[in-house]
Amino acid sequence: MPDQDLVAYARDAAGRGVDLFALLGTDATASESDIRRAFRRKALTAHPDKAGDAYDPALYEGLERARDVLVDPAAREAYDGCVRAALQKKMQLDQMSEKRRRLVEDLERREEEAKRAKHGDPRPKAPDPERAAMAARGRAKLEEWMRPRREAEERERLARGEEVAAAAASTDNGPSRSSAEDRPAAPQTQQQDDRRAPSPTSSDLDNQAAELEGRLNESRQRKAEKAQRKAVKRGQKAEEKRVGADEKAKKAEAAPAQGSRWTSASDKPPSHTTTAGSQTDEDERPQPATASPSFGQTLPTGGVSKAPGSFASTLARLRAAQAARNEEKRSRAEAAGRPMGDQDKVTKPAETMPSTTPGMPPVPNDGVN
């Protein structure tokens, strides 16, 4: 291994707290020859040719690297310096107060995680304290649950041993065949009990704690999904209510526009009855000579509403057309030299013409088409 790689490995091992001297089975005062002898002793059991099926590649590689680092002067100096710095730092932390120590440790942990993230170090992060506490609680509950069972099995084994001891004491000087058969049967029964109810190991406890933790996480996830679905449903209901309120408001605004056509007394059709006498009086009044307008023209009605479809405007136009026809007749009579009285005699009484528009009153007709 090149010198630079050895120095880097030495610093990394010191930073991780790996004791290379303890790995080789020696101490920090060992010389180069002592380190080589210690490596040969360890290699007798760790070498692939010696270990056989029990060969551990990681262990043997660690032994080789420890030997190379401690034999190389530059690498050993770097390792010793990092170890001394770590010990000095630990002493300073021990002298600090508990609160300040926690702050320093948290800061160092974050700096280390930032360095690993920057350089892409695949080493796993430190375990989460909350997860570790949860696993510890799970192991404690499992241990509490298993304790009564183990105590009952222990009491049963003690009682069986007492029975065997009593049977052995009740025999004569020469052991009988039955007692000789019962004597080896007791340890066999005990071995069967041990095989039937093995004590849980730390790995089993960890697995069961991990299973409990997984169930708790699944329960939390289901609750979160349920709350999210409820929030979505509430949002949809609120949106539907808002849309319904908007539609009702639009219908309420459109309702006054579709109401009755006659909203005021001025828009209602006036009750008008045209008689022959009133028409004659109107004809006898002197009127100024004006040009004869056509029947289709719309004359000003003096303040009458001209809105399209309005009954008042239609009636005003009919009146204006009637007045125009009367004026035209009067003009013709004057041009022919006939007196006004004769013209009145010729004029027929006004008749009413039925209206073709539903809901409109009859329109007066003067008999001239």
Protein backbone atom coordinates (compact mmCIF):
# COMPACT_ATOMS: atom_id res chain seq x y z
CA MET A 1 0.00 0.00 0.00
CA PRO A 2 1.47 3.43 -0.90
CA ASP A 3 2.57 5.75 1.86
CA GLN A 4 -0.20 8.28 1.25
CA ASP A 5 -2.86 5.58 1.42
CA LEU A 6 -1.35 4.25 4.65
CA VAL A 7 -1.37 7.72 6.22
CA ALA A 8 -4.98 8.29 5.15
CA TYR A 9 -6.03 4.90 6.52
CA ALA A 10 -4.19 5.57 9.79
CA ARG A 11 -5.99 8.88 10.29
CA ASP A 12 -9.34 7.35 9.42
CA ALA A 13 -8.82 4.45 11.83
CA ALA A 14 -7.84 6.84 14.62
CA GLY A 15 -10.89 8.99 13.89
CA ARG A 16 -13.16 5.94 14.08
CA GLY A 17 -11.56 4.87 17.36
CA VAL A 18 -10.01 1.64 16.03
CA ASP A 19 -7.17 0.39 18.27
CA LEU A 20 -4.63 -1.17 15.89
CA PHE A 21 -2.38 -2.29 18.77
CA ALA A 22 -5.23 -4.20 20.40
CA LEU A 23 -6.11 -5.73 17.04
CA LEU A 24 -2.62 -7.25 16.83
CA GLY A 25 -2.56 -8.18 20.50
CA THR A 26 0.19 -5.76 21.59
CA ASP A 27 0.49 -2.29 23.14
CA ALA A 28 1.64 1.18 22.08
CA THR A 29 5.21 0.56 23.32
CA ALA A 30 5.79 -2.33 20.89
CA SER A 31 8.68 -2.05 18.47
CA GLU A 32 8.66 -2.98 14.79
CA SER A 33 9.89 -6.53 15.49
CA ASP A 34 7.26 -6.97 18.21
CA ILE A 35 4.56 -5.88 15.77
CA ARG A 36 5.73 -8.36 13.12
CA ARG A 37 5.81 -11.23 15.64
CA ALA A 38 2.31 -10.28 16.84
CA PHE A 39 1.06 -10.33 13.25
CA ARG A 40 2.53 -13.81 12.67
CA ARG A 41 0.84 -15.11 15.81
CA LYS A 42 -2.54 -13.73 14.69
CA ALA A 43 -2.03 -15.04 11.15
CA LEU A 44 -1.75 -18.60 12.46
CA THR A 45 -5.51 -18.57 13.07
CA ALA A 46 -6.69 -15.88 10.62
CA HIS A 47 -4.77 -16.90 7.45
CA PRO A 48 -6.98 -18.56 4.78
CA ASP A 49 -4.69 -21.59 4.64
CA LYS A 50 -4.92 -22.05 8.41
CA ALA A 51 -8.51 -21.01 9.15
CA GLY A 52 -10.18 -23.11 6.45
CA ASP A 53 -13.97 -22.66 6.52
CA ALA A 54 -13.69 -20.18 9.43
CA TYR A 55 -11.67 -17.73 7.30
CA ASP A 56 -12.76 -14.10 7.79
CA PRO A 57 -11.50 -11.85 4.94
CA ALA A 58 -12.29 -8.64 6.81
CA LEU A 59 -10.34 -9.75 9.89
CA TYR A 60 -7.27 -10.82 7.93
CA GLU A 61 -7.29 -7.62 5.86
CA GLY A 62 -7.56 -5.57 9.05
CA LEU A 63 -4.55 -7.39 10.52
CA GLU A 64 -2.47 -6.71 7.41
CA ARG A 65 -3.39 -3.02 7.38
CA ALA A 66 -2.65 -2.66 11.10
CA ARG A 67 0.79 -4.23 10.57
CA ASP A 68 1.55 -1.97 7.56
CA VAL A 69 0.47 1.19 9.42
CA LEU A 70 2.40 0.45 12.61
CA VAL A 71 5.56 -0.62 10.74
CA ASP A 72 5.62 2.45 8.48
CA PRO A 73 7.10 5.45 10.41
CA ALA A 74 5.01 8.17 8.71
CA ALA A 75 1.76 6.24 9.04
CA ARG A 76 2.45 5.36 12.67
CA GLU A 77 3.26 8.99 13.48
CA ALA A 78 -0.01 10.11 11.88
CA TYR A 79 -1.92 7.41 13.78
CA ASP A 80 -0.31 8.30 17.13
CA GLY A 81 -0.99 12.01 16.57
CA CYS A 82 -4.66 11.42 15.81
CA VAL A 83 -5.02 9.14 18.83
CA ARG A 84 -3.42 11.73 21.13
CA ALA A 85 -5.70 14.43 19.72
CA ALA A 86 -8.75 12.23 20.28
CA LEU A 87 -7.72 11.49 23.87
CA GLN A 88 -7.11 15.17 24.58
CA LYS A 89 -10.47 16.06 23.11
CA LYS A 90 -12.16 13.41 25.22
CA MET A 91 -10.56 14.82 28.35
CA GLN A 92 -11.79 18.29 27.49
CA LEU A 93 -15.31 16.96 26.95
CA ASP A 94 -15.21 15.20 30.31
CA GLN A 95 -14.33 18.48 31.99
CA MET A 96 -17.22 20.32 30.33
CA SER A 97 -20.69 20.55 31.77
CA GLU A 98 -23.34 18.10 30.61
CA LYS A 99 -25.26 20.66 28.53
CA ARG A 100 -22.17 22.00 26.80
CA ARG A 101 -20.95 18.47 26.12
CA ARG A 102 -24.21 17.62 24.37
CA LEU A 103 -23.95 20.75 22.25
CA VAL A 104 -20.37 19.95 21.21
CA GLU A 105 -21.21 16.33 20.41
CA ASP A 106 -24.21 17.35 18.33
CA LEU A 107 -22.11 19.90 16.43
CA GLU A 108 -19.40 17.34 15.72
CA ARG A 109 -21.95 14.80 14.58
CA ARG A 110 -23.45 17.26 12.11
CA GLU A 111 -20.03 18.23 10.79
CA GLU A 112 -19.17 14.57 10.27
CA GLU A 113 -22.43 13.93 8.42
CA ALA A 114 -21.82 16.96 6.20
CA LYS A 115 -18.33 15.71 5.34
CA ARG A 116 -19.62 12.25 4.49
CA ALA A 117 -22.39 13.70 2.32
CA LYS A 118 -19.90 15.94 0.52
CA HIS A 119 -17.38 13.17 -0.21
CA GLY A 120 -20.00 10.50 -0.87
CA ASP A 121 -18.95 8.23 1.98
CA PRO A 122 -21.22 5.15 1.89
CA ARG A 123 -20.88 4.51 5.62
CA PRO A 124 -24.24 4.43 7.41
CA LYS A 125 -25.28 7.32 9.57
CA ALA A 126 -25.47 7.17 13.33
CA PRO A 127 -28.62 5.44 14.60
CA ASP A 128 -31.58 7.65 15.29
CA PRO A 129 -32.01 8.18 19.08
CA GLU A 130 -35.78 7.93 18.80
CA ARG A 131 -35.55 4.68 16.86
CA ALA A 132 -33.04 3.27 19.35
CA ALA A 133 -35.27 4.23 22.27
CA MET A 134 -38.25 2.59 20.59
CA ALA A 135 -36.26 -0.60 20.01
CA ALA A 136 -35.14 -0.58 23.65
CA ARG A 137 -38.74 -0.24 24.84
CA GLY A 138 -39.75 -3.13 22.59
CA ARG A 139 -37.00 -5.33 23.97
CA ALA A 140 -38.00 -4.42 27.52
CA LYS A 141 -41.64 -5.34 26.86
CA LEU A 142 -40.63 -8.62 25.26
CA GLU A 143 -38.35 -9.42 28.18
CA GLU A 144 -41.15 -8.64 30.64
CA TRP A 145 -43.50 -10.89 28.69
CA MET A 146 -41.00 -13.78 28.60
CA ARG A 147 -40.00 -13.55 32.28
CA PRO A 148 -43.07 -15.36 33.79
CA ARG A 149 -42.71 -18.19 31.28
CA ARG A 150 -39.06 -18.72 32.10
CA GLU A 151 -39.79 -18.63 35.83
CA ALA A 152 -42.53 -21.25 35.44
CA GLU A 153 -40.20 -23.52 33.46
CA GLU A 154 -37.50 -23.09 36.09
CA ARG A 155 -39.92 -24.04 38.87
CA GLU A 156 -41.03 -27.08 36.89
CA ARG A 157 -37.43 -28.24 36.41
CA LEU A 158 -36.67 -27.79 40.12
CA ALA A 159 -39.75 -29.79 41.09
CA ARG A 160 -38.80 -32.58 38.71
CA GLY A 161 -35.26 -32.63 40.13
CA GLU A 162 -36.62 -32.88 43.65
CA GLU A 163 -38.80 -35.80 42.63
CA VAL A 164 -35.80 -37.59 41.12
CA ALA A 165 -33.73 -36.94 44.25
CA ALA A 166 -36.50 -38.28 46.47
CA ALA A 167 -36.80 -41.41 44.34
CA ALA A 168 -33.05 -41.98 44.55
CA ALA A 169 -33.06 -41.56 48.35
CA SER A 170 -35.84 -44.11 48.82
CA THR A 171 -33.90 -46.93 47.15
CA ASP A 172 -31.93 -49.62 48.97
CA ASN A 173 -28.16 -49.96 49.15
CA GLY A 174 -28.06 -51.56 45.68
CA PRO A 175 -29.68 -49.43 43.07
CA SER A 176 -32.59 -51.13 41.43
CA ARG A 177 -33.17 -51.35 37.75
CA SER A 178 -35.97 -48.84 37.85
CA SER A 179 -33.91 -46.29 39.75
CA ALA A 180 -30.99 -46.81 37.38
CA GLU A 181 -33.31 -46.14 34.48
CA ASP A 182 -34.80 -43.06 36.10
CA ARG A 183 -31.45 -41.53 36.94
CA PRO A 184 -30.28 -40.79 33.36
CA ALA A 185 -33.81 -39.93 32.35
CA ALA A 186 -33.79 -36.72 34.38
CA PRO A 187 -31.05 -34.91 32.46
CA GLN A 188 -32.58 -36.08 29.19
CA THR A 189 -35.92 -34.56 30.16
CA GLN A 190 -34.15 -31.41 31.16
CA GLN A 191 -32.39 -31.27 27.79
CA GLN A 192 -35.73 -31.74 26.04
CA ASP A 193 -37.20 -28.87 28.04
CA ASP A 194 -34.23 -26.72 27.12
CA ARG A 195 -34.69 -27.53 23.45
CA ARG A 196 -38.42 -26.93 23.66
CA ALA A 197 -38.16 -23.51 25.31
CA PRO A 198 -34.89 -21.85 24.26
CA SER A 199 -34.09 -18.53 25.82
CA PRO A 200 -34.45 -15.61 23.41
CA THR A 201 -31.20 -14.20 22.08
CA SER A 202 -30.37 -10.56 21.43
CA SER A 203 -30.94 -11.01 17.69
CA ASP A 204 -34.43 -12.41 18.35
CA LEU A 205 -35.20 -9.48 20.60
CA ASP A 206 -33.96 -7.06 17.95
CA ASN A 207 -36.08 -8.74 15.29
CA GLN A 208 -39.19 -8.63 17.45
CA ALA A 209 -38.51 -5.01 18.37
CA ALA A 210 -38.08 -4.17 14.69
CA GLU A 211 -41.37 -5.93 13.93
CA LEU A 212 -43.15 -3.92 16.62
CA GLU A 213 -41.63 -0.74 15.26
CA GLY A 214 -42.77 -1.64 11.73
CA ARG A 215 -46.32 -2.16 12.96
CA LEU A 216 -46.29 1.20 14.71
CA ASN A 217 -45.04 2.92 11.55
CA GLU A 218 -47.74 1.22 9.45
CA SER A 219 -50.40 2.35 11.93
CA ARG A 220 -49.11 5.94 11.79
CA GLN A 221 -49.08 5.83 7.98
CA ARG A 222 -52.67 4.55 7.83
CA LYS A 223 -53.82 7.29 10.20
CA ALA A 224 -52.07 9.94 8.09
CA GLU A 225 -53.66 8.62 4.87
CA LYS A 226 -57.09 8.58 6.52
CA ALA A 227 -56.69 12.18 7.71
CA GLN A 228 -55.59 13.21 4.21
CA ARG A 229 -58.66 11.57 2.64
CA LYS A 230 -60.93 13.36 5.12
CA ALA A 231 -59.29 16.68 4.30
CA VAL A 232 -59.82 16.10 0.56
CA LYS A 233 -63.49 15.24 1.13
CA ARG A 234 -64.01 18.36 3.24
CA GLY A 235 -62.42 20.46 0.50
CA GLN A 236 -64.69 18.91 -2.15
CA LYS A 237 -67.80 19.53 -0.05
CA ALA A 238 -66.79 23.15 0.55
CA GLU A 239 -66.20 23.63 -3.19
CA GLU A 240 -69.62 22.14 -4.01
CA LYS A 241 -71.30 24.45 -1.49
CA ARG A 242 -69.53 27.45 -2.95
CA VAL A 243 -70.56 26.55 -6.51
CA GLY A 244 -74.18 26.02 -5.39
CA ALA A 245 -74.21 29.40 -3.64
CA ASP A 246 -72.86 31.09 -6.79
CA GLU A 247 -75.55 29.47 -8.94
CA LYS A 248 -78.29 30.55 -6.52
CA ALA A 249 -76.95 34.11 -6.54
CA LYS A 250 -76.96 34.16 -10.36
CA LYS A 251 -80.54 32.87 -10.45
CA ALA A 252 -81.61 35.50 -7.91
CA GLU A 253 -80.03 38.25 -10.03
CA ALA A 254 -81.74 36.99 -13.20
CA ALA A 255 -85.18 36.65 -11.54
CA PRO A 256 -86.12 40.43 -11.50
CA ALA A 257 -85.33 40.73 -15.22
CA GLN A 258 -87.86 37.95 -16.03
CA GLY A 259 -90.68 39.41 -13.98
CA SER A 260 -93.85 41.17 -15.10
CA ARG A 261 -93.59 43.31 -18.24
CA TRP A 262 -95.44 46.19 -16.68
CA THR A 263 -93.39 47.27 -13.69
CA SER A 264 -94.92 50.73 -13.23
CA ALA A 265 -98.09 52.54 -13.95
CA SER A 266 -96.45 54.53 -16.76
CA ASP A 267 -95.66 51.31 -18.70
CA LYS A 268 -99.19 49.91 -18.49
CA PRO A 269 -101.40 50.49 -21.56
CA PRO A 270 -103.71 53.43 -20.90
CA SER A 271 -107.43 52.89 -21.12
CA HIS A 272 -108.30 54.81 -24.28
CA THR A 273 -111.70 54.97 -25.98
CA THR A 274 -111.98 56.86 -29.25
CA THR A 275 -115.42 58.14 -30.20
CA ALA A 276 -116.62 59.76 -33.33
CA GLY A 277 -117.41 63.03 -31.56
CA SER A 278 -114.00 63.41 -29.98
CA GLN A 279 -112.38 62.55 -33.28
CA THR A 280 -114.48 65.23 -35.03
CA ASP A 281 -113.54 67.84 -32.43
CA GLU A 282 -109.92 67.03 -32.91
CA ASP A 283 -110.32 67.33 -36.70
CA GLU A 284 -112.01 70.77 -36.42
CA ARG A 285 -109.04 72.28 -34.62
CA PRO A 286 -106.80 74.35 -36.90
CA GLN A 287 -103.54 72.49 -37.53
CA PRO A 288 -100.47 73.88 -39.25
CA ALA A 289 -99.72 72.51 -42.70
CA THR A 290 -96.94 69.96 -42.55
CA ALA A 291 -95.46 67.52 -44.97
CA SER A 292 -97.29 64.22 -45.19
CA PRO A 293 -95.15 61.59 -43.50
CA SER A 294 -95.20 57.99 -44.55
CA PHE A 295 -96.95 55.38 -42.48
CA GLY A 296 -93.71 53.56 -41.58
CA GLN A 297 -92.00 56.63 -40.10
CA THR A 298 -91.54 56.94 -36.35
CA LEU A 299 -92.35 60.42 -35.06
CA PRO A 300 -91.23 61.78 -31.69
CA THR A 301 -93.81 60.96 -29.05
CA GLY A 302 -92.85 63.55 -26.45
CA GLY A 303 -91.25 61.57 -23.71
CA VAL A 304 -92.87 58.21 -24.49
CA SER A 305 -90.52 55.26 -23.99
CA LYS A 306 -88.96 53.94 -27.24
CA ALA A 307 -87.70 50.69 -25.87
CA PRO A 308 -88.09 47.82 -28.35
CA GLY A 309 -91.14 45.68 -27.63
CA SER A 310 -92.72 48.33 -25.36
CA PHE A 311 -96.49 48.61 -25.67
CA ALA A 312 -96.46 52.35 -24.98
CA SER A 313 -94.06 53.05 -27.85
CA THR A 314 -96.17 50.95 -30.26
CA LEU A 315 -99.35 52.78 -29.28
CA ALA A 316 -97.60 56.13 -29.67
CA ARG A 317 -96.51 55.23 -33.20
CA LEU A 318 -100.06 54.21 -34.11
CA ARG A 319 -101.40 57.52 -32.82
CA ALA A 320 -98.79 59.44 -34.76
CA ALA A 321 -99.69 57.55 -37.95
CA GLN A 322 -103.41 58.27 -37.38
CA ALA A 323 -102.73 61.98 -36.93
CA ALA A 324 -100.61 61.99 -40.08
CA ARG A 325 -103.44 60.43 -42.11
CA ASN A 326 -105.95 62.95 -40.78
CA GLU A 327 -103.62 65.76 -41.67
CA GLU A 328 -103.21 64.35 -45.18
CA LYS A 329 -107.00 64.18 -45.65
CA ARG A 330 -107.38 67.72 -44.46
CA SER A 331 -104.72 68.91 -46.86
CA ARG A 332 -106.43 67.15 -49.76
CA ALA A 333 -109.79 68.69 -48.84
CA GLU A 334 -108.35 72.20 -48.74
CA ALA A 335 -106.60 71.66 -52.05
CA ALA A 336 -109.90 70.60 -53.68
CA GLY A 337 -111.63 73.78 -52.45
CA ARG A 338 -114.21 72.05 -50.40
CA PRO A 339 -115.27 73.55 -47.12
CA MET A 340 -114.16 71.97 -43.94
CA GLY A 341 -117.75 71.11 -42.98
CA ASP A 342 -118.33 69.01 -46.10
CA GLN A 343 -115.12 67.16 -45.47
CA ASP A 344 -116.34 66.33 -41.98
CA LYS A 345 -119.59 64.97 -43.35
CA VAL A 346 -117.77 62.71 -45.74
CA THR A 347 -115.57 61.36 -42.94
CA LYS A 348 -116.88 58.13 -41.54
CA PRO A 349 -117.11 57.58 -37.86
CA ALA A 350 -114.03 56.07 -36.35
CA GLU A 351 -114.06 52.34 -36.09
CA THR A 352 -111.97 50.13 -33.98
CA MET A 353 -109.59 47.72 -35.61
CA PRO A 354 -108.86 44.56 -33.73
CA SER A 355 -105.29 44.20 -32.63
CA THR A 356 -103.23 41.29 -33.91
CA THR A 357 -100.92 41.40 -30.92
CA PRO A 358 -102.10 39.36 -27.93
CA GLY A 359 -102.68 41.48 -24.85
CA MET A 360 -102.94 44.83 -26.78
CA PRO A 361 -106.17 46.95 -26.88
CA PRO A 362 -107.93 47.58 -30.23
CA VAL A 363 -106.47 50.33 -32.44
CA PRO A 364 -108.83 53.08 -33.71
CA ASN A 365 -109.40 53.05 -37.50
CA ASP A 366 -110.55 56.07 -39.49
CA GLY A 367 -111.77 54.05 -42.45
CA VAL A 368 -108.86 55.01 -44.75
CA ASN A 369 -106.53 52.21 -45.79
